[in-house]
Amino acid sequence: MEEISIIICHHTGNLIYRCLDSLKYANAQIIVVTTCENYRKPFPYVSTLHLIPQLNSPTYKRNQGAILAKGEYLCFMDDDVAAAPDCINNMSDYLDNTPNVGMVYALLYKMDDRKTIDTSGSYLTWCGFLYETYIDRITAMPILSGKSALCMIRKDLFDKVGKFDEDFVIYGEETDLSWRIWLAGYEIMVLPSAIGYHAF
């Protein structure tokens, strides 16, 4: 069984090809879940799940891709993200070596300015709002949540806590999932050794 399944949520446009090109050396099952009729699979090792346009929510696409996943770890990516060469392996290695951690988020930089942080994780403030950080971290740090544009979770834990809540559609879905992982007794970390570049 492959250790990692990468599930890419694709909506429209050509950024998906840059995303897939960044994964060409990843030793993983790669699944693109798309509603785009113009999408054409660029590499033979990429699996594609075409959905009808009415089923366009990212949470639904991710959950459908997870059904096809064979890996011990699920890596969720959006089509507007490119992963650094060692990003995917560094996330899985960290999960291999830290059994108390259930999920990890990549440290995201902006695609058009690779020195500017897109996100380094979020925390819950005393008044109930999310506080997002933009810190160029040196070591792995616990966070409440991050951006699901590039993250990895243990598949058995993903199934146990109930997957993405599709009522969220988009935005907040990763915070909801992360909160359930914390409540299940696992930690969540942002990894500066796992770098991604986010276009939007």
N, C-alpha and C. Protein backbone atom coordinates (compact mmCIF):
# COMPACT_ATOMS: atom_id res chain seq x y z
N MET A 1 0.84 -1.19 0.00
CA MET A 1 0.00 0.00 0.00
C MET A 1 0.88 1.25 0.00
N GLU A 2 0.52 2.24 -0.83
CA GLU A 2 1.24 3.49 -0.84
C GLU A 2 1.03 4.22 0.48
N GLU A 3 2.07 4.85 0.98
CA GLU A 3 1.97 5.52 2.27
C GLU A 3 1.15 6.80 2.19
N ILE A 4 1.21 7.49 1.04
CA ILE A 4 0.59 8.81 0.91
C ILE A 4 -0.38 8.84 -0.27
N SER A 5 -1.54 9.40 -0.04
CA SER A 5 -2.47 9.72 -1.12
C SER A 5 -2.64 11.24 -1.15
N ILE A 6 -2.35 11.85 -2.29
CA ILE A 6 -2.49 13.30 -2.46
C ILE A 6 -3.80 13.56 -3.21
N ILE A 7 -4.68 14.33 -2.59
CA ILE A 7 -5.98 14.64 -3.17
C ILE A 7 -6.00 16.12 -3.51
N ILE A 8 -6.12 16.42 -4.80
CA ILE A 8 -6.07 17.80 -5.28
C ILE A 8 -7.46 18.25 -5.69
N CYS A 9 -7.90 19.32 -5.09
CA CYS A 9 -9.21 19.89 -5.36
C CYS A 9 -9.06 20.90 -6.50
N HIS A 10 -9.65 20.58 -7.67
CA HIS A 10 -9.52 21.43 -8.85
C HIS A 10 -10.86 22.01 -9.25
N HIS A 11 -10.87 23.31 -9.53
CA HIS A 11 -12.10 23.98 -9.93
C HIS A 11 -12.05 24.34 -11.42
N THR A 12 -11.13 25.21 -11.77
CA THR A 12 -11.02 25.64 -13.15
C THR A 12 -9.64 26.26 -13.36
N GLY A 13 -9.25 26.45 -14.62
CA GLY A 13 -7.99 27.12 -14.92
C GLY A 13 -6.81 26.17 -15.02
N ASN A 14 -5.64 26.77 -15.29
CA ASN A 14 -4.44 25.99 -15.61
C ASN A 14 -3.43 25.91 -14.48
N LEU A 15 -3.72 26.49 -13.33
CA LEU A 15 -2.76 26.40 -12.22
C LEU A 15 -2.56 24.95 -11.78
N ILE A 16 -3.52 24.09 -12.03
CA ILE A 16 -3.43 22.68 -11.67
C ILE A 16 -2.19 22.03 -12.26
N TYR A 17 -1.78 22.46 -13.44
CA TYR A 17 -0.63 21.83 -14.10
C TYR A 17 0.68 22.19 -13.40
N ARG A 18 0.76 23.41 -12.87
CA ARG A 18 1.93 23.77 -12.06
C ARG A 18 1.93 22.98 -10.76
N CYS A 19 0.75 22.80 -10.18
CA CYS A 19 0.62 22.00 -8.97
C CYS A 19 1.12 20.57 -9.21
N LEU A 20 0.63 19.96 -10.27
CA LEU A 20 1.02 18.57 -10.57
C LEU A 20 2.50 18.47 -10.92
N ASP A 21 3.03 19.46 -11.60
CA ASP A 21 4.45 19.44 -11.94
C ASP A 21 5.31 19.46 -10.69
N SER A 22 4.85 20.14 -9.64
CA SER A 22 5.62 20.19 -8.39
C SER A 22 5.62 18.85 -7.67
N LEU A 23 4.73 17.93 -8.09
CA LEU A 23 4.61 16.62 -7.43
C LEU A 23 5.18 15.49 -8.26
N LYS A 24 5.89 15.81 -9.33
CA LYS A 24 6.31 14.75 -10.26
C LYS A 24 7.30 13.76 -9.65
N TYR A 25 7.95 14.16 -8.57
CA TYR A 25 8.88 13.23 -7.92
C TYR A 25 8.32 12.67 -6.61
N ALA A 26 7.07 12.98 -6.32
CA ALA A 26 6.47 12.49 -5.08
C ALA A 26 6.14 11.01 -5.22
N ASN A 27 6.52 10.24 -4.23
CA ASN A 27 6.18 8.81 -4.22
C ASN A 27 4.82 8.67 -3.54
N ALA A 28 3.76 8.87 -4.32
CA ALA A 28 2.43 8.93 -3.74
C ALA A 28 1.38 8.62 -4.79
N GLN A 29 0.22 8.22 -4.32
CA GLN A 29 -0.97 8.15 -5.16
C GLN A 29 -1.49 9.57 -5.32
N ILE A 30 -1.75 10.00 -6.55
CA ILE A 30 -2.21 11.36 -6.81
C ILE A 30 -3.59 11.29 -7.44
N ILE A 31 -4.55 11.97 -6.80
CA ILE A 31 -5.94 11.97 -7.26
C ILE A 31 -6.37 13.42 -7.47
N VAL A 32 -6.78 13.75 -8.69
CA VAL A 32 -7.35 15.06 -8.98
C VAL A 32 -8.87 14.92 -9.01
N VAL A 33 -9.54 15.71 -8.18
CA VAL A 33 -11.00 15.73 -8.16
C VAL A 33 -11.43 17.05 -8.79
N THR A 34 -12.13 16.98 -9.91
CA THR A 34 -12.40 18.18 -10.70
C THR A 34 -13.82 18.20 -11.23
N THR A 35 -14.32 19.41 -11.46
CA THR A 35 -15.57 19.61 -12.19
C THR A 35 -15.31 20.33 -13.50
N CYS A 36 -14.05 20.50 -13.86
CA CYS A 36 -13.67 21.25 -15.05
C CYS A 36 -13.67 20.32 -16.27
N GLU A 37 -14.50 20.63 -17.24
CA GLU A 37 -14.59 19.79 -18.44
C GLU A 37 -13.34 19.87 -19.29
N ASN A 38 -12.58 20.97 -19.16
CA ASN A 38 -11.38 21.15 -19.99
C ASN A 38 -10.12 20.54 -19.38
N TYR A 39 -10.22 20.02 -18.17
CA TYR A 39 -9.04 19.43 -17.54
C TYR A 39 -8.60 18.19 -18.30
N ARG A 40 -7.30 18.12 -18.59
CA ARG A 40 -6.71 16.96 -19.26
C ARG A 40 -5.55 16.45 -18.44
N LYS A 41 -5.59 15.19 -18.11
CA LYS A 41 -4.56 14.59 -17.26
C LYS A 41 -3.19 14.67 -17.94
N PRO A 42 -2.21 15.34 -17.31
CA PRO A 42 -0.91 15.53 -17.95
C PRO A 42 0.05 14.36 -17.76
N PHE A 43 -0.14 13.57 -16.72
CA PHE A 43 0.79 12.48 -16.42
C PHE A 43 -0.01 11.19 -16.25
N PRO A 44 0.51 10.07 -16.73
CA PRO A 44 -0.25 8.81 -16.64
C PRO A 44 -0.46 8.32 -15.21
N TYR A 45 0.39 8.73 -14.29
CA TYR A 45 0.28 8.24 -12.92
C TYR A 45 -0.73 9.02 -12.08
N VAL A 46 -1.41 10.00 -12.68
CA VAL A 46 -2.40 10.80 -11.98
C VAL A 46 -3.79 10.22 -12.24
N SER A 47 -4.53 9.94 -11.17
CA SER A 47 -5.92 9.49 -11.30
C SER A 47 -6.83 10.71 -11.31
N THR A 48 -7.96 10.60 -12.00
CA THR A 48 -8.89 11.73 -12.09
C THR A 48 -10.29 11.27 -11.73
N LEU A 49 -10.95 12.06 -10.90
CA LEU A 49 -12.35 11.85 -10.58
C LEU A 49 -13.11 13.07 -11.06
N HIS A 50 -13.90 12.90 -12.13
CA HIS A 50 -14.71 14.00 -12.67
C HIS A 50 -16.07 14.01 -11.99
N LEU A 51 -16.47 15.17 -11.48
CA LEU A 51 -17.77 15.34 -10.87
C LEU A 51 -18.60 16.30 -11.71
N ILE A 52 -19.92 16.23 -11.59
CA ILE A 52 -20.75 17.17 -12.32
C ILE A 52 -20.59 18.56 -11.71
N PRO A 53 -20.75 19.62 -12.52
CA PRO A 53 -20.47 20.99 -12.04
C PRO A 53 -21.25 21.38 -10.79
N GLN A 54 -22.42 20.81 -10.57
CA GLN A 54 -23.20 21.18 -9.39
C GLN A 54 -22.55 20.70 -8.08
N LEU A 55 -21.59 19.78 -8.19
CA LEU A 55 -20.91 19.26 -7.00
C LEU A 55 -19.53 19.89 -6.89
N ASN A 56 -19.52 21.22 -6.75
CA ASN A 56 -18.27 21.96 -6.90
C ASN A 56 -17.65 22.39 -5.58
N SER A 57 -18.20 22.01 -4.44
CA SER A 57 -17.65 22.49 -3.18
C SER A 57 -16.35 21.75 -2.85
N PRO A 58 -15.35 22.49 -2.35
CA PRO A 58 -14.08 21.85 -2.00
C PRO A 58 -14.23 20.75 -0.95
N THR A 59 -15.10 20.94 0.03
CA THR A 59 -15.25 19.91 1.06
C THR A 59 -15.79 18.61 0.46
N TYR A 60 -16.75 18.72 -0.44
CA TYR A 60 -17.29 17.53 -1.09
C TYR A 60 -16.22 16.84 -1.94
N LYS A 61 -15.46 17.63 -2.69
CA LYS A 61 -14.42 17.07 -3.55
C LYS A 61 -13.36 16.33 -2.72
N ARG A 62 -12.96 16.93 -1.62
CA ARG A 62 -11.94 16.29 -0.78
C ARG A 62 -12.45 14.98 -0.20
N ASN A 63 -13.69 14.98 0.28
CA ASN A 63 -14.25 13.75 0.85
C ASN A 63 -14.40 12.66 -0.21
N GLN A 64 -14.77 13.04 -1.43
CA GLN A 64 -14.89 12.05 -2.50
C GLN A 64 -13.52 11.48 -2.87
N GLY A 65 -12.52 12.34 -2.92
CA GLY A 65 -11.16 11.86 -3.20
C GLY A 65 -10.66 10.92 -2.13
N ALA A 66 -11.01 11.20 -0.88
CA ALA A 66 -10.56 10.36 0.24
C ALA A 66 -11.13 8.95 0.14
N ILE A 67 -12.30 8.79 -0.47
CA ILE A 67 -12.88 7.46 -0.65
C ILE A 67 -11.99 6.59 -1.54
N LEU A 68 -11.35 7.23 -2.52
CA LEU A 68 -10.48 6.49 -3.45
C LEU A 68 -9.06 6.31 -2.92
N ALA A 69 -8.73 6.99 -1.84
CA ALA A 69 -7.35 7.00 -1.34
C ALA A 69 -6.96 5.65 -0.76
N LYS A 70 -5.74 5.23 -1.06
CA LYS A 70 -5.20 3.98 -0.57
C LYS A 70 -4.10 4.19 0.47
N GLY A 71 -3.69 5.43 0.66
CA GLY A 71 -2.55 5.70 1.52
C GLY A 71 -2.90 5.74 2.99
N GLU A 72 -1.86 5.57 3.80
CA GLU A 72 -1.98 5.70 5.26
C GLU A 72 -2.20 7.15 5.66
N TYR A 73 -1.64 8.07 4.84
CA TYR A 73 -1.78 9.50 5.06
C TYR A 73 -2.50 10.14 3.89
N LEU A 74 -3.37 11.11 4.19
CA LEU A 74 -4.06 11.89 3.17
C LEU A 74 -3.44 13.27 3.13
N CYS A 75 -2.95 13.66 1.97
CA CYS A 75 -2.43 15.01 1.76
C CYS A 75 -3.45 15.75 0.91
N PHE A 76 -4.02 16.82 1.45
CA PHE A 76 -4.98 17.63 0.71
C PHE A 76 -4.28 18.85 0.14
N MET A 77 -4.52 19.09 -1.14
CA MET A 77 -3.94 20.25 -1.82
C MET A 77 -5.02 20.94 -2.64
N ASP A 78 -4.87 22.26 -2.80
CA ASP A 78 -5.69 22.99 -3.75
C ASP A 78 -4.91 23.15 -5.04
N ASP A 79 -5.63 23.41 -6.12
CA ASP A 79 -4.98 23.47 -7.43
C ASP A 79 -4.10 24.70 -7.61
N ASP A 80 -4.18 25.68 -6.71
CA ASP A 80 -3.36 26.89 -6.82
C ASP A 80 -2.15 26.87 -5.90
N VAL A 81 -1.71 25.66 -5.53
CA VAL A 81 -0.55 25.48 -4.65
C VAL A 81 0.51 24.64 -5.36
N ALA A 82 1.75 25.01 -5.17
CA ALA A 82 2.88 24.18 -5.60
C ALA A 82 3.68 23.79 -4.37
N ALA A 83 4.07 22.53 -4.29
CA ALA A 83 4.82 22.04 -3.14
C ALA A 83 6.32 22.07 -3.44
N ALA A 84 7.11 22.46 -2.44
CA ALA A 84 8.57 22.34 -2.57
C ALA A 84 8.93 20.87 -2.70
N PRO A 85 10.10 20.56 -3.31
CA PRO A 85 10.44 19.16 -3.61
C PRO A 85 10.36 18.19 -2.45
N ASP A 86 10.73 18.62 -1.25
CA ASP A 86 10.74 17.70 -0.10
C ASP A 86 9.53 17.89 0.82
N CYS A 87 8.57 18.70 0.42
CA CYS A 87 7.44 19.04 1.29
C CYS A 87 6.62 17.82 1.68
N ILE A 88 6.20 17.03 0.71
CA ILE A 88 5.29 15.91 0.98
C ILE A 88 5.99 14.87 1.86
N ASN A 89 7.23 14.53 1.53
CA ASN A 89 7.97 13.55 2.33
C ASN A 89 8.23 14.04 3.74
N ASN A 90 8.50 15.33 3.90
CA ASN A 90 8.75 15.87 5.23
C ASN A 90 7.50 15.82 6.11
N MET A 91 6.34 16.02 5.50
CA MET A 91 5.10 15.91 6.28
C MET A 91 4.86 14.48 6.72
N SER A 92 5.02 13.52 5.80
CA SER A 92 4.78 12.12 6.16
C SER A 92 5.83 11.62 7.15
N ASP A 93 7.09 12.05 6.99
CA ASP A 93 8.14 11.65 7.93
C ASP A 93 7.82 12.16 9.34
N TYR A 94 7.31 13.38 9.41
CA TYR A 94 6.98 13.94 10.72
C TYR A 94 5.86 13.13 11.38
N LEU A 95 4.85 12.77 10.62
CA LEU A 95 3.77 11.95 11.17
C LEU A 95 4.27 10.56 11.56
N ASP A 96 5.21 10.02 10.77
CA ASP A 96 5.80 8.72 11.12
C ASP A 96 6.46 8.76 12.49
N ASN A 97 7.13 9.88 12.77
CA ASN A 97 7.98 9.97 13.96
C ASN A 97 7.30 10.58 15.18
N THR A 98 6.09 11.10 15.02
CA THR A 98 5.39 11.73 16.15
C THR A 98 3.95 11.22 16.20
N PRO A 99 3.75 10.07 16.83
CA PRO A 99 2.41 9.45 16.83
C PRO A 99 1.34 10.26 17.54
N ASN A 100 1.73 11.21 18.39
CA ASN A 100 0.73 12.05 19.08
C ASN A 100 0.20 13.17 18.20
N VAL A 101 0.82 13.37 17.03
CA VAL A 101 0.37 14.41 16.09
C VAL A 101 -0.53 13.76 15.04
N GLY A 102 -1.73 14.31 14.89
CA GLY A 102 -2.69 13.73 13.96
C GLY A 102 -2.71 14.40 12.61
N MET A 103 -2.27 15.67 12.55
CA MET A 103 -2.36 16.43 11.31
C MET A 103 -1.25 17.47 11.27
N VAL A 104 -0.75 17.74 10.08
CA VAL A 104 0.27 18.77 9.90
C VAL A 104 -0.13 19.68 8.74
N TYR A 105 0.24 20.93 8.89
CA TYR A 105 0.04 21.92 7.83
C TYR A 105 1.39 22.38 7.31
N ALA A 106 1.45 22.63 6.01
CA ALA A 106 2.67 23.20 5.42
C ALA A 106 2.76 24.68 5.80
N LEU A 107 3.97 25.19 5.80
CA LEU A 107 4.21 26.62 5.92
C LEU A 107 4.06 27.21 4.52
N LEU A 108 3.05 28.06 4.32
CA LEU A 108 2.75 28.56 2.97
C LEU A 108 3.32 29.95 2.75
N TYR A 109 3.98 30.09 1.60
CA TYR A 109 4.44 31.38 1.12
C TYR A 109 3.57 31.79 -0.07
N LYS A 110 3.61 33.06 -0.41
CA LYS A 110 2.86 33.53 -1.57
C LYS A 110 3.58 33.09 -2.86
N MET A 111 2.78 32.68 -3.84
CA MET A 111 3.34 32.19 -5.08
C MET A 111 4.14 33.27 -5.82
N ASP A 112 3.62 34.51 -5.82
CA ASP A 112 4.26 35.58 -6.59
C ASP A 112 5.31 36.35 -5.80
N ASP A 113 5.48 36.01 -4.53
CA ASP A 113 6.49 36.65 -3.69
C ASP A 113 6.95 35.61 -2.67
N ARG A 114 7.91 34.82 -3.03
CA ARG A 114 8.25 33.64 -2.25
C ARG A 114 9.01 33.94 -0.96
N LYS A 115 9.10 35.21 -0.60
CA LYS A 115 9.66 35.58 0.69
C LYS A 115 8.58 36.04 1.66
N THR A 116 7.34 36.12 1.19
CA THR A 116 6.24 36.61 2.01
C THR A 116 5.36 35.43 2.44
N ILE A 117 5.12 35.33 3.76
CA ILE A 117 4.31 34.26 4.31
C ILE A 117 2.84 34.44 3.93
N ASP A 118 2.22 33.39 3.45
CA ASP A 118 0.78 33.39 3.21
C ASP A 118 0.03 33.00 4.48
N THR A 119 0.54 32.01 5.19
CA THR A 119 0.02 31.67 6.51
C THR A 119 1.00 30.76 7.23
N SER A 120 1.07 30.92 8.55
CA SER A 120 1.87 30.01 9.37
C SER A 120 1.02 29.44 10.51
N GLY A 121 -0.29 29.41 10.31
CA GLY A 121 -1.18 28.80 11.28
C GLY A 121 -2.08 29.79 11.98
N SER A 122 -3.19 29.27 12.54
CA SER A 122 -4.18 30.10 13.21
C SER A 122 -4.41 29.61 14.64
N TYR A 123 -4.84 30.55 15.49
CA TYR A 123 -5.18 30.26 16.87
C TYR A 123 -6.55 30.86 17.17
N LEU A 124 -7.17 30.39 18.23
CA LEU A 124 -8.46 30.93 18.66
C LEU A 124 -8.22 32.00 19.71
N THR A 125 -8.78 33.18 19.50
CA THR A 125 -8.63 34.26 20.48
C THR A 125 -9.63 34.10 21.61
N TRP A 126 -9.46 34.87 22.66
CA TRP A 126 -10.34 34.79 23.82
C TRP A 126 -11.79 35.14 23.46
N CYS A 127 -12.00 35.92 22.37
CA CYS A 127 -13.36 36.31 22.00
C CYS A 127 -13.95 35.42 20.91
N GLY A 128 -13.24 34.34 20.57
CA GLY A 128 -13.83 33.35 19.68
C GLY A 128 -13.51 33.51 18.21
N PHE A 129 -12.66 34.48 17.85
CA PHE A 129 -12.28 34.67 16.46
C PHE A 129 -10.93 34.00 16.19
N LEU A 130 -10.70 33.65 14.94
CA LEU A 130 -9.41 33.11 14.55
C LEU A 130 -8.39 34.22 14.39
N TYR A 131 -7.19 33.97 14.90
CA TYR A 131 -6.07 34.88 14.71
C TYR A 131 -5.05 34.16 13.85
N GLU A 132 -4.85 34.66 12.61
CA GLU A 132 -3.91 34.02 11.69
C GLU A 132 -2.53 34.64 11.84
N THR A 133 -1.50 33.79 11.79
CA THR A 133 -0.13 34.28 11.97
C THR A 133 0.63 34.26 10.64
N TYR A 134 1.64 35.13 10.57
CA TYR A 134 2.47 35.25 9.36
C TYR A 134 3.94 35.29 9.81
N ILE A 135 4.33 34.23 10.48
CA ILE A 135 5.66 34.15 11.08
C ILE A 135 6.52 33.17 10.28
N ASP A 136 7.72 33.57 9.96
CA ASP A 136 8.65 32.67 9.27
C ASP A 136 9.26 31.73 10.31
N ARG A 137 8.56 30.67 10.59
CA ARG A 137 8.91 29.79 11.70
C ARG A 137 10.19 28.99 11.41
N ILE A 138 10.87 28.63 12.50
CA ILE A 138 12.11 27.86 12.39
C ILE A 138 11.88 26.40 12.77
N THR A 139 11.02 26.18 13.77
CA THR A 139 10.74 24.82 14.23
C THR A 139 9.23 24.56 14.14
N ALA A 140 8.88 23.29 14.18
CA ALA A 140 7.47 22.89 14.18
C ALA A 140 6.78 23.46 15.41
N MET A 141 5.56 23.98 15.22
CA MET A 141 4.82 24.60 16.31
C MET A 141 3.37 24.09 16.32
N PRO A 142 2.80 23.91 17.51
CA PRO A 142 1.39 23.54 17.57
C PRO A 142 0.50 24.72 17.19
N ILE A 143 -0.54 24.45 16.41
CA ILE A 143 -1.50 25.47 16.01
C ILE A 143 -2.90 24.89 16.16
N LEU A 144 -3.91 25.75 16.21
CA LEU A 144 -5.28 25.24 16.19
C LEU A 144 -5.58 24.69 14.80
N SER A 145 -5.24 25.48 13.77
CA SER A 145 -5.51 25.06 12.39
C SER A 145 -4.65 25.86 11.44
N GLY A 146 -4.77 25.54 10.16
CA GLY A 146 -4.05 26.26 9.11
C GLY A 146 -4.94 26.36 7.89
N LYS A 147 -4.31 26.44 6.72
CA LYS A 147 -5.06 26.43 5.47
C LYS A 147 -4.99 25.03 4.86
N SER A 148 -6.16 24.50 4.52
CA SER A 148 -6.19 23.16 3.94
C SER A 148 -5.74 23.16 2.49
N ALA A 149 -5.21 24.27 2.02
CA ALA A 149 -4.61 24.33 0.69
C ALA A 149 -3.43 23.36 0.58
N LEU A 150 -2.79 23.03 1.72
CA LEU A 150 -1.72 22.04 1.74
C LEU A 150 -1.54 21.52 3.17
N CYS A 151 -2.04 20.32 3.40
CA CYS A 151 -1.98 19.73 4.74
C CYS A 151 -1.98 18.21 4.61
N MET A 152 -1.70 17.53 5.71
CA MET A 152 -1.68 16.06 5.71
C MET A 152 -2.25 15.55 7.02
N ILE A 153 -3.04 14.48 6.93
CA ILE A 153 -3.69 13.89 8.09
C ILE A 153 -3.63 12.37 8.00
N ARG A 154 -3.63 11.73 9.13
CA ARG A 154 -3.70 10.27 9.16
C ARG A 154 -5.08 9.83 8.65
N LYS A 155 -5.12 8.91 7.71
CA LYS A 155 -6.39 8.51 7.11
C LYS A 155 -7.35 7.90 8.13
N ASP A 156 -6.84 7.06 9.01
CA ASP A 156 -7.73 6.45 10.00
C ASP A 156 -8.34 7.50 10.92
N LEU A 157 -7.57 8.54 11.23
CA LEU A 157 -8.07 9.62 12.07
C LEU A 157 -9.10 10.46 11.31
N PHE A 158 -8.84 10.72 10.03
CA PHE A 158 -9.78 11.46 9.18
C PHE A 158 -11.13 10.76 9.15
N ASP A 159 -11.10 9.45 9.00
CA ASP A 159 -12.36 8.68 9.00
C ASP A 159 -13.02 8.69 10.38
N LYS A 160 -12.19 8.62 11.41
CA LYS A 160 -12.72 8.54 12.79
C LYS A 160 -13.44 9.82 13.21
N VAL A 161 -12.87 10.98 12.86
CA VAL A 161 -13.46 12.25 13.33
C VAL A 161 -14.57 12.75 12.41
N GLY A 162 -14.78 12.08 11.28
CA GLY A 162 -15.94 12.43 10.46
C GLY A 162 -15.67 13.22 9.20
N LYS A 163 -14.41 13.25 8.73
CA LYS A 163 -14.06 13.89 7.45
C LYS A 163 -14.38 15.39 7.49
N PHE A 164 -14.35 16.04 6.31
CA PHE A 164 -14.70 17.46 6.22
C PHE A 164 -16.22 17.60 6.33
N ASP A 165 -16.67 18.57 7.09
CA ASP A 165 -18.09 18.85 7.19
C ASP A 165 -18.50 19.63 5.94
N GLU A 166 -19.31 19.02 5.09
CA GLU A 166 -19.65 19.61 3.81
C GLU A 166 -20.61 20.79 3.94
N ASP A 167 -21.16 21.02 5.11
CA ASP A 167 -21.98 22.22 5.32
C ASP A 167 -21.15 23.50 5.25
N PHE A 168 -19.83 23.37 5.47
CA PHE A 168 -18.97 24.55 5.41
C PHE A 168 -18.73 25.00 3.98
N VAL A 169 -18.79 24.11 3.01
CA VAL A 169 -18.57 24.37 1.59
C VAL A 169 -17.13 24.83 1.37
N ILE A 170 -16.79 26.07 1.78
CA ILE A 170 -15.42 26.58 1.68
C ILE A 170 -15.24 27.64 2.78
N TYR A 171 -14.04 27.70 3.32
CA TYR A 171 -13.64 28.58 4.43
C TYR A 171 -14.19 28.08 5.77
N GLY A 172 -13.28 27.86 6.68
CA GLY A 172 -13.64 27.39 8.01
C GLY A 172 -13.69 25.89 8.13
N GLU A 173 -13.69 25.18 6.99
CA GLU A 173 -13.80 23.73 7.05
C GLU A 173 -12.57 23.08 7.69
N GLU A 174 -11.40 23.68 7.46
CA GLU A 174 -10.19 23.10 8.05
C GLU A 174 -10.11 23.38 9.54
N THR A 175 -10.65 24.53 9.98
CA THR A 175 -10.69 24.82 11.41
C THR A 175 -11.61 23.86 12.13
N ASP A 176 -12.77 23.60 11.53
CA ASP A 176 -13.71 22.64 12.10
C ASP A 176 -13.08 21.25 12.21
N LEU A 177 -12.44 20.80 11.14
CA LEU A 177 -11.79 19.48 11.15
C LEU A 177 -10.66 19.46 12.18
N SER A 178 -9.85 20.51 12.21
CA SER A 178 -8.73 20.56 13.15
C SER A 178 -9.20 20.53 14.60
N TRP A 179 -10.27 21.24 14.87
CA TRP A 179 -10.81 21.27 16.23
C TRP A 179 -11.22 19.87 16.66
N ARG A 180 -11.86 19.12 15.75
CA ARG A 180 -12.27 17.76 16.08
C ARG A 180 -11.06 16.85 16.30
N ILE A 181 -9.97 17.11 15.61
CA ILE A 181 -8.76 16.32 15.80
C ILE A 181 -8.16 16.61 17.18
N TRP A 182 -8.12 17.89 17.57
CA TRP A 182 -7.65 18.23 18.92
C TRP A 182 -8.52 17.55 19.97
N LEU A 183 -9.84 17.59 19.77
CA LEU A 183 -10.76 16.99 20.73
C LEU A 183 -10.61 15.47 20.79
N ALA A 184 -10.11 14.86 19.71
CA ALA A 184 -9.87 13.41 19.70
C ALA A 184 -8.58 13.05 20.42
N GLY A 185 -7.82 14.06 20.89
CA GLY A 185 -6.62 13.79 21.68
C GLY A 185 -5.32 13.87 20.92
N TYR A 186 -5.35 14.41 19.69
CA TYR A 186 -4.13 14.54 18.88
C TYR A 186 -3.73 16.00 18.77
N GLU A 187 -2.45 16.22 18.49
CA GLU A 187 -1.94 17.56 18.27
C GLU A 187 -1.89 17.87 16.77
N ILE A 188 -1.83 19.15 16.46
CA ILE A 188 -1.71 19.63 15.08
C ILE A 188 -0.54 20.59 15.04
N MET A 189 0.29 20.44 14.00
CA MET A 189 1.50 21.24 13.91
C MET A 189 1.60 21.92 12.54
N VAL A 190 2.28 23.06 12.51
CA VAL A 190 2.72 23.66 11.25
C VAL A 190 4.21 23.36 11.12
N LEU A 191 4.62 22.93 9.93
CA LEU A 191 5.99 22.46 9.72
C LEU A 191 6.76 23.40 8.79
N PRO A 192 7.77 24.09 9.30
CA PRO A 192 8.61 24.92 8.43
C PRO A 192 9.47 24.10 7.47
N SER A 193 9.61 22.81 7.73
CA SER A 193 10.34 21.93 6.81
C SER A 193 9.47 21.51 5.62
N ALA A 194 8.17 21.85 5.67
CA ALA A 194 7.23 21.52 4.59
C ALA A 194 6.75 22.84 4.00
N ILE A 195 7.29 23.19 2.85
CA ILE A 195 7.03 24.50 2.24
C ILE A 195 6.11 24.34 1.04
N GLY A 196 5.13 25.24 0.97
CA GLY A 196 4.26 25.32 -0.21
C GLY A 196 4.14 26.76 -0.65
N TYR A 197 3.73 26.95 -1.92
CA TYR A 197 3.57 28.28 -2.49
C TYR A 197 2.14 28.42 -2.98
N HIS A 198 1.43 29.42 -2.45
CA HIS A 198 -0.01 29.56 -2.63
C HIS A 198 -0.29 30.77 -3.52
N ALA A 199 -1.05 30.55 -4.58
CA ALA A 199 -1.27 31.64 -5.56
C ALA A 199 -2.32 32.63 -5.09
N PHE A 200 -3.35 32.18 -4.37
CA PHE A 200 -4.45 33.08 -4.02
C PHE A 200 -4.71 33.06 -2.52
